[in-house]
């Protein structure tokens, strides 16, 4: 797990979500799009063997409290992959350049893992 060089705080908290898409109230059109992405992930091996890359990134936007993190948890729960929460107390540093280095550490760590969802 990556850590901040100066504070030794972990930069991520990794959890296995217990939420499913049925637990989230979403507009029907949004739910259909997410179900398609979830199905692509479940069939990723078959898709890749046929030269098709499944969707592997989603960008959520909206005001606080609208369900972005809950939806990310639900997607991770549906495809049974861990979710990685960025810990801001370890991420932000008062030392010049260290915050950028910490962000790079997070993405390098996640890139090495099989699959993770980062909701924040």
Foldseek 3Di string as FASTA:
>chain_A
DDFQPPPRHDFKDKDWFPAAPVVDDDDPVVSVVLVQLLVCLVCQVVCVVVVHHGDADDDDDDDPPPCQLVVLSNSCNSNGHIEMEGDPVGQDDPDPPRNVVSVVVVVVVQVPDPHYHYRD
